[in-house]
Amino acid sequence: MNYLNNILEILKYVLPSLVVFATAFYLIRQFLENDNRKRMLELKMNNLSNNQRYITPIRMQAYERIILFMERISPSSLIIRVSLPNMSAKQMQTAMIKTIREEYEYNLSQQLYISQKSWNLVKNAKEELVILINDAAGNINEDAKSTELARMIFEMSSTIEKLPVEIALEYVKNEIQQEF
């Protein structure tokens, strides 16, 4: 019986200690897990903001390049840049289409950074402008001068309420304002 009393006496001191130890262990473990989750979240947020820090300027440059592309292929700008003295209409037509395609190919990678709708409008504007140039060239004589082609392009452009280049340019500018 003395042996049983000794065990009960030991349990009287050890059992509360075990309960306190288990409680402390549980609380410390919960605290460390929460702290670890908090650090991981902060790390993810920091990485996200670092990514944003690098991507945002690239996206802004993409929008700038697309706007520049639209401005450069607008009929008035394109005619002024491509036109040379004594150039035939056929030479000018070829030079304009070549310039449009080169500018487009140069800016192809920008589609990664702008919305799909913006890119589709840009692509459509390019295609519609090529059609306009070809239609204008088809409405003049084979031996016409470049000034005749330019006049025909301006004439045909004036019948269109809003050129696809203008539509794309306006949409891209609005998208930039909404994004930034």
Foldseek 3Di string as FASTA:
>chain_A
DVVVVVVVVVCVPVVVVVVVVVVVVVVVVVVVVVVVVVVVVVVVVVVVVVVCVVLVVVLVVLLVLLLVLLVCLDLVNLLVVQDDPPAALVRSLVSSLVVNVVSCVVSVVSPVRDDPVLVVLSVVLSVVSNVLLVVLCVPDDPRHHNVSSSVSSVVVVVVDPARSSRVSSVVSVVVVVVVD
